[in-house]
Every structure is written in structure tokens, then in C-alpha cells.
């Protein structure tokens, strides 16, 4: 697969990527809390979601 083919593949996939994952309603809040605890993020801290995928947990 050439470089253009790979980029086209991921460009096409990006639009519907989130639809390929199935989460229960409790999963995202649970995992978000786990991430915040591991990073020791406080209420006055700020984070930047740069290049970390679909932004699912930063929401």
C-alpha cells in the first residue's frame, strides 16, 4: 500500500471511527475518572487534547 493509499484509508476511517466501538453508558465516565486519577488532574488544571485520537475521554 502506497503512502497516498494509507492516508486515504485513514481519512475515510476517521469520519466514522467512533461508530466502530461499543461502550456501555458507564464505561466512558469510569475510564475518564481513572485517567484523571492517574494523572492527578485537579479542578484548576487544564489539559490539551492534541493528537490523542477521537477525543472520547477528554470530553
N, C-alpha and C. Protein backbone atom coordinates (compact mmCIF):
# COMPACT_ATOMS: atom_id res chain seq x y z
N UNK A 1 0.86 -1.17 0.00
CA UNK A 1 0.00 0.00 0.00
C UNK A 1 0.90 1.23 0.00
N UNK A 2 0.66 2.12 -0.95
CA UNK A 2 1.46 3.33 -1.05
C UNK A 2 1.08 4.35 0.01
N UNK A 3 1.90 5.36 0.13
CA UNK A 3 1.67 6.40 1.15
C UNK A 3 0.31 7.06 0.97
N UNK A 4 -0.04 7.39 -0.27
CA UNK A 4 -1.35 8.02 -0.52
C UNK A 4 -2.50 7.08 -0.16
N UNK A 5 -2.31 5.81 -0.44
CA UNK A 5 -3.36 4.84 -0.12
C UNK A 5 -3.58 4.76 1.38
N UNK A 6 -2.51 4.79 2.15
CA UNK A 6 -2.62 4.72 3.61
C UNK A 6 -3.32 5.96 4.14
N UNK A 7 -2.91 7.13 3.65
CA UNK A 7 -3.55 8.36 4.12
C UNK A 7 -5.04 8.37 3.76
N UNK A 8 -5.37 7.99 2.56
CA UNK A 8 -6.77 7.93 2.15
C UNK A 8 -7.58 6.98 3.00
N UNK A 9 -6.97 5.85 3.33
CA UNK A 9 -7.64 4.86 4.18
C UNK A 9 -8.00 5.49 5.53
N UNK A 10 -7.04 6.16 6.17
CA UNK A 10 -7.30 6.75 7.48
C UNK A 10 -8.19 7.98 7.40
N UNK A 11 -8.12 8.73 6.32
CA UNK A 11 -9.04 9.85 6.14
C UNK A 11 -10.48 9.33 6.06
N UNK A 12 -10.68 8.26 5.33
CA UNK A 12 -12.02 7.67 5.22
C UNK A 12 -12.48 7.08 6.54
N UNK A 13 -11.59 6.43 7.25
CA UNK A 13 -11.93 5.80 8.51
C UNK A 13 -12.25 6.81 9.61
N UNK A 14 -11.58 7.95 9.61
CA UNK A 14 -11.72 8.93 10.69
C UNK A 14 -13.15 9.42 10.85
N UNK A 15 -13.86 9.59 9.77
CA UNK A 15 -15.22 10.14 9.84
C UNK A 15 -16.17 9.24 10.63
N UNK A 16 -15.93 7.95 10.62
CA UNK A 16 -16.85 7.03 11.30
C UNK A 16 -16.16 6.16 12.34
N UNK A 17 -14.97 6.53 12.74
CA UNK A 17 -14.18 5.70 13.65
C UNK A 17 -14.91 5.40 14.95
N UNK A 18 -15.50 6.42 15.56
CA UNK A 18 -16.20 6.25 16.83
C UNK A 18 -17.35 5.27 16.76
N UNK A 19 -17.91 5.08 15.59
CA UNK A 19 -19.05 4.17 15.44
C UNK A 19 -18.62 2.70 15.50
N UNK A 20 -17.33 2.44 15.41
CA UNK A 20 -16.83 1.07 15.42
C UNK A 20 -16.62 0.53 16.83
N UNK A 21 -16.80 1.37 17.83
CA UNK A 21 -16.59 0.97 19.22
C UNK A 21 -17.92 1.00 19.96
N UNK A 22 -18.14 0.03 20.79
CA UNK A 22 -19.37 -0.05 21.56
C UNK A 22 -18.99 0.01 23.04
N UNK A 23 -19.54 0.99 23.72
CA UNK A 23 -19.28 1.16 25.15
C UNK A 23 -20.61 1.18 25.88
N UNK A 24 -20.62 0.60 27.07
CA UNK A 24 -21.79 0.74 27.92
C UNK A 24 -21.84 2.16 28.44
N UNK A 25 -22.98 2.63 28.92
CA UNK A 25 -23.11 4.02 29.36
C UNK A 25 -22.20 4.37 30.55
N UNK A 26 -21.75 3.38 31.29
CA UNK A 26 -20.89 3.65 32.44
C UNK A 26 -19.41 3.70 32.09
N UNK A 27 -19.04 3.18 30.93
CA UNK A 27 -17.62 2.99 30.61
C UNK A 27 -16.85 4.30 30.47
N UNK A 28 -17.34 5.23 29.67
CA UNK A 28 -16.59 6.46 29.41
C UNK A 28 -16.39 7.28 30.69
N UNK A 29 -17.44 7.52 31.51
CA UNK A 29 -17.20 8.23 32.76
C UNK A 29 -16.23 7.50 33.69
N UNK A 30 -16.34 6.18 33.76
CA UNK A 30 -15.45 5.39 34.60
C UNK A 30 -14.00 5.54 34.13
N UNK A 31 -13.76 5.35 32.84
CA UNK A 31 -12.40 5.44 32.31
C UNK A 31 -11.87 6.87 32.42
N UNK A 32 -12.70 7.86 32.21
CA UNK A 32 -12.27 9.25 32.35
C UNK A 32 -11.81 9.55 33.78
N UNK A 33 -12.56 9.04 34.76
CA UNK A 33 -12.14 9.20 36.16
C UNK A 33 -10.81 8.51 36.41
N UNK A 34 -10.64 7.32 35.86
CA UNK A 34 -9.38 6.58 36.04
C UNK A 34 -8.20 7.36 35.45
N UNK A 35 -8.40 7.92 34.29
CA UNK A 35 -7.34 8.71 33.64
C UNK A 35 -7.01 9.93 34.49
N UNK A 36 -8.04 10.65 34.94
CA UNK A 36 -7.82 11.85 35.76
C UNK A 36 -7.11 11.50 37.06
N UNK A 37 -7.48 10.39 37.67
CA UNK A 37 -6.82 9.96 38.90
C UNK A 37 -5.36 9.61 38.65
N UNK A 38 -5.10 8.90 37.57
CA UNK A 38 -3.72 8.51 37.26
C UNK A 38 -2.84 9.72 36.98
N UNK A 39 -3.43 10.74 36.35
CA UNK A 39 -2.68 11.95 36.02
C UNK A 39 -2.71 12.97 37.14
N UNK A 40 -3.53 12.68 38.17
CA UNK A 40 -3.71 13.60 39.30
C UNK A 40 -4.19 14.98 38.83
N UNK A 41 -5.17 14.97 37.94
CA UNK A 41 -5.74 16.21 37.42
C UNK A 41 -6.70 16.79 38.45
N UNK A 42 -6.50 18.05 38.78
CA UNK A 42 -7.37 18.74 39.73
C UNK A 42 -8.33 19.67 39.03
N UNK A 43 -9.24 20.24 39.80
CA UNK A 43 -10.28 21.09 39.22
C UNK A 43 -9.73 22.38 38.62
N UNK A 44 -8.54 22.79 39.01
CA UNK A 44 -7.96 24.02 38.44
C UNK A 44 -6.95 23.73 37.33
N UNK A 45 -6.68 22.46 37.06
CA UNK A 45 -5.75 22.10 36.00
C UNK A 45 -6.42 22.18 34.63
N UNK A 46 -5.60 22.34 33.61
CA UNK A 46 -6.08 22.37 32.23
C UNK A 46 -5.34 21.29 31.46
N UNK A 47 -6.03 20.69 30.51
CA UNK A 47 -5.40 19.70 29.65
C UNK A 47 -5.59 20.11 28.20
N UNK A 48 -4.72 19.63 27.35
CA UNK A 48 -4.84 19.85 25.91
C UNK A 48 -4.89 18.48 25.24
N UNK A 49 -5.90 18.28 24.45
CA UNK A 49 -6.08 17.02 23.73
C UNK A 49 -5.51 17.22 22.33
N UNK A 50 -4.24 16.95 22.17
CA UNK A 50 -3.55 17.17 20.90
C UNK A 50 -3.10 15.83 20.34
N UNK A 51 -3.71 15.43 19.27
CA UNK A 51 -3.31 14.20 18.61
C UNK A 51 -3.55 12.95 19.41
N UNK A 52 -4.59 12.95 20.23
CA UNK A 52 -4.83 11.76 21.06
C UNK A 52 -6.03 10.97 20.59
N UNK A 53 -6.29 11.02 19.32
CA UNK A 53 -7.35 10.17 18.78
C UNK A 53 -8.68 10.88 18.66
N UNK A 54 -9.72 10.22 19.14
CA UNK A 54 -11.09 10.68 18.90
C UNK A 54 -11.62 11.64 19.95
N UNK A 55 -10.84 11.99 20.94
CA UNK A 55 -11.27 12.95 21.97
C UNK A 55 -12.32 12.35 22.91
N UNK A 56 -12.46 11.04 22.87
CA UNK A 56 -13.52 10.38 23.64
C UNK A 56 -13.40 10.66 25.13
N UNK A 57 -12.20 10.56 25.70
CA UNK A 57 -12.05 10.69 27.14
C UNK A 57 -11.83 12.13 27.57
N UNK A 58 -11.40 12.99 26.68
CA UNK A 58 -11.21 14.40 27.04
C UNK A 58 -12.54 15.16 27.11
N UNK A 59 -13.55 14.61 26.51
CA UNK A 59 -14.86 15.28 26.52
C UNK A 59 -15.36 15.40 27.93
